[in-house]
N, C-alpha and C. Protein backbone atom coordinates (compact mmCIF):
# COMPACT_ATOMS: atom_id res chain seq x y z
N UNK A 1 42.53 138.23 132.76
CA UNK A 1 44.06 138.32 132.16
C UNK A 1 44.60 139.27 132.39
N UNK A 2 46.45 139.18 131.42
CA UNK A 2 46.92 139.76 132.42
C UNK A 2 47.97 140.49 131.15
N UNK A 3 48.49 141.47 131.00
CA UNK A 3 49.10 141.73 129.87
C UNK A 3 50.22 142.77 129.83
N UNK A 4 51.17 142.14 129.91
CA UNK A 4 52.51 143.27 130.29
C UNK A 4 53.70 143.52 129.48
N UNK A 5 54.09 145.14 128.95
CA UNK A 5 54.98 145.92 128.29
C UNK A 5 54.38 147.28 128.34
N UNK A 6 55.18 147.56 127.53
CA UNK A 6 55.35 149.02 127.97
C UNK A 6 54.93 149.98 126.40
N UNK A 7 53.77 151.30 126.73
CA UNK A 7 53.46 151.38 124.73
C UNK A 7 53.88 152.90 125.32
N UNK A 8 53.38 153.86 124.33
CA UNK A 8 53.10 155.49 124.78
C UNK A 8 52.06 155.98 125.06
N UNK A 9 51.84 157.24 125.95
CA UNK A 9 50.17 157.19 126.88
C UNK A 9 49.65 157.86 125.63
N UNK A 10 48.66 157.11 126.08
CA UNK A 10 47.53 156.94 124.92
C UNK A 10 47.47 156.23 123.60
N UNK A 11 47.85 154.90 123.51
CA UNK A 11 48.49 154.01 122.93
C UNK A 11 47.64 152.87 123.17
N UNK A 12 47.20 152.48 124.25
CA UNK A 12 47.07 151.01 124.56
C UNK A 12 45.56 150.97 124.22
N UNK A 13 45.46 149.95 123.26
CA UNK A 13 44.24 149.04 123.81
C UNK A 13 42.99 148.89 124.67
N UNK A 14 42.05 149.45 124.45
CA UNK A 14 41.16 148.85 125.88
C UNK A 14 39.50 148.42 125.61
N UNK A 15 39.38 147.85 126.27
CA UNK A 15 37.70 146.94 126.35
C UNK A 15 37.06 148.28 125.47
N UNK A 16 37.10 149.39 126.13
CA UNK A 16 35.42 150.12 125.33
C UNK A 16 36.43 151.17 124.57
N UNK A 17 37.45 150.87 123.68
CA UNK A 17 36.85 150.91 122.23
C UNK A 17 37.46 149.87 121.13
N UNK A 18 36.78 148.42 121.65
CA UNK A 18 36.39 147.62 121.29
C UNK A 18 35.06 147.88 120.44
N UNK A 19 34.91 147.39 119.67
CA UNK A 19 34.20 147.31 117.46
C UNK A 19 33.08 146.78 116.96
N UNK A 20 32.11 146.37 117.23
CA UNK A 20 31.60 145.12 116.42
C UNK A 20 32.25 144.90 115.50
N UNK A 21 32.33 143.36 114.89
CA UNK A 21 33.71 142.65 114.34
C UNK A 21 35.17 142.40 114.36
N UNK A 22 35.37 142.70 115.70
CA UNK A 22 36.86 143.06 116.14
C UNK A 22 36.75 141.28 116.35
N UNK A 23 37.95 141.05 116.40
CA UNK A 23 38.63 140.03 116.81
C UNK A 23 38.83 139.86 118.41
N UNK A 24 38.28 138.44 119.61
CA UNK A 24 39.13 138.38 120.37
C UNK A 24 39.88 137.10 120.37
N UNK A 25 40.96 137.29 120.94
CA UNK A 25 41.85 135.86 120.96
C UNK A 25 42.26 135.59 122.69
N UNK A 26 42.19 134.19 122.81
CA UNK A 26 42.17 133.54 124.44
C UNK A 26 43.30 132.55 124.78
N UNK A 27 44.09 132.27 125.38
CA UNK A 27 44.98 131.27 125.41
C UNK A 27 44.14 130.49 126.63
N UNK A 28 43.57 129.21 126.68
CA UNK A 28 43.22 128.62 127.95
C UNK A 28 41.43 128.52 127.60
N UNK A 29 40.87 128.79 129.41
CA UNK A 29 39.44 128.46 128.89
C UNK A 29 39.22 129.85 130.18
N UNK A 30 38.49 130.92 129.82
CA UNK A 30 38.03 131.58 130.19
C UNK A 30 36.78 131.36 131.13
N UNK A 31 37.66 132.20 133.02
CA UNK A 31 36.63 131.98 134.61
C UNK A 31 37.10 130.56 134.80
N UNK A 32 37.70 129.49 133.80
CA UNK A 32 37.97 127.87 134.96
C UNK A 32 38.87 127.77 136.16
N UNK A 33 39.82 129.66 136.86
CA UNK A 33 40.40 130.17 137.55
C UNK A 33 39.44 130.30 138.82
N UNK A 34 38.13 130.99 138.15
CA UNK A 34 37.29 131.34 139.03
C UNK A 34 36.70 130.68 139.31
N UNK A 35 35.93 129.70 137.94
CA UNK A 35 35.01 128.87 138.62
C UNK A 35 35.64 127.42 139.97
N UNK A 36 36.70 127.32 139.75
CA UNK A 36 37.66 126.23 140.36
C UNK A 36 37.63 126.92 142.19
N UNK A 37 37.99 127.85 142.02
CA UNK A 37 38.95 129.36 143.58
C UNK A 37 37.15 129.10 143.76
N UNK A 38 36.05 129.27 143.21
CA UNK A 38 34.47 129.36 143.43
C UNK A 38 34.09 127.65 144.43
N UNK A 39 34.22 126.84 143.11
CA UNK A 39 34.09 125.77 144.17
C UNK A 39 34.65 125.23 145.48
N UNK A 40 36.00 125.56 145.17
CA UNK A 40 36.82 124.91 146.36
C UNK A 40 36.89 126.25 147.57
N UNK A 41 36.26 127.61 147.46
CA UNK A 41 35.96 127.81 149.31
C UNK A 41 34.39 127.34 149.32
N UNK A 42 33.80 126.80 148.69
CA UNK A 42 32.44 126.07 149.09
C UNK A 42 32.32 124.85 149.42
N UNK A 43 33.68 124.41 149.67
CA UNK A 43 34.04 123.15 150.13
C UNK A 43 33.62 122.03 149.07
N UNK A 44 34.05 122.49 147.82
CA UNK A 44 32.94 120.88 146.49
C UNK A 44 34.49 120.60 146.28
N UNK A 45 36.13 121.61 146.52
CA UNK A 45 37.02 121.30 145.26
C UNK A 45 37.88 120.38 146.01
N UNK A 46 38.44 118.98 145.75
CA UNK A 46 39.25 118.70 146.74
C UNK A 46 40.29 118.59 146.33
N UNK A 47 42.13 119.81 147.02
CA UNK A 47 43.08 120.00 145.85
C UNK A 47 44.07 119.16 146.69
N UNK A 48 43.53 118.58 147.69
CA UNK A 48 45.07 117.36 148.09
C UNK A 48 44.65 116.64 147.05
N UNK A 49 44.24 115.98 146.05
CA UNK A 49 43.94 114.88 144.90
C UNK A 49 45.75 115.26 144.09
N UNK A 50 45.87 115.83 144.11
CA UNK A 50 46.65 116.48 142.66
C UNK A 50 48.45 116.64 143.88
N UNK A 51 48.49 116.84 144.72
CA UNK A 51 49.68 116.92 145.43
C UNK A 51 50.34 115.29 145.02
N UNK A 52 50.29 114.41 144.74
CA UNK A 52 51.67 113.53 144.35
C UNK A 52 52.40 114.22 143.45
N UNK A 53 51.84 114.73 141.94
CA UNK A 53 52.89 116.19 141.25
C UNK A 53 53.34 117.00 141.84
N UNK A 54 55.06 117.68 141.50
CA UNK A 54 55.57 118.47 142.02
C UNK A 54 55.08 120.36 141.70
N UNK A 55 54.44 119.69 140.34
CA UNK A 55 54.53 121.14 139.74
C UNK A 55 52.71 121.70 140.66
N UNK A 56 51.62 119.94 140.82
CA UNK A 56 50.68 120.87 141.04
C UNK A 56 50.84 121.09 142.84
N UNK A 57 52.10 120.11 143.79
CA UNK A 57 52.61 120.65 144.84
C UNK A 57 52.29 122.26 144.91
N UNK A 58 53.48 122.35 144.11
CA UNK A 58 54.15 124.39 143.92
C UNK A 58 52.60 124.45 144.28
N UNK A 59 51.28 124.77 143.06
CA UNK A 59 50.14 125.52 143.21
C UNK A 59 49.14 125.03 144.71
N UNK A 60 49.35 124.53 145.24
CA UNK A 60 48.26 123.61 146.06
C UNK A 60 48.69 124.61 147.51
N UNK A 61 49.85 124.39 147.31
CA UNK A 61 51.08 125.04 148.67
C UNK A 61 50.48 127.31 149.28
N UNK A 62 50.67 127.01 147.27
CA UNK A 62 51.10 128.32 147.34
C UNK A 62 48.68 129.27 147.85
N UNK A 63 47.61 127.96 147.03
CA UNK A 63 46.19 128.07 147.22
C UNK A 63 45.38 128.10 148.63
N UNK A 64 46.76 126.78 149.42
CA UNK A 64 46.44 126.49 150.66
C UNK A 64 47.24 127.67 151.96
């Protein structure tokens, strides 16, 4: 996860400050990128099949 911004020293909310009953909000599916990378590194994911889409080509070229 990435958070960008600025706070006064000591004001950041950290994982070690979490308490039972706190909400956790996420977007997307946590772990999907790590799973895809693991599949690709194991030779089980063909990333060339998405090259027809310009957006996918941008990300594929960064991966390869």
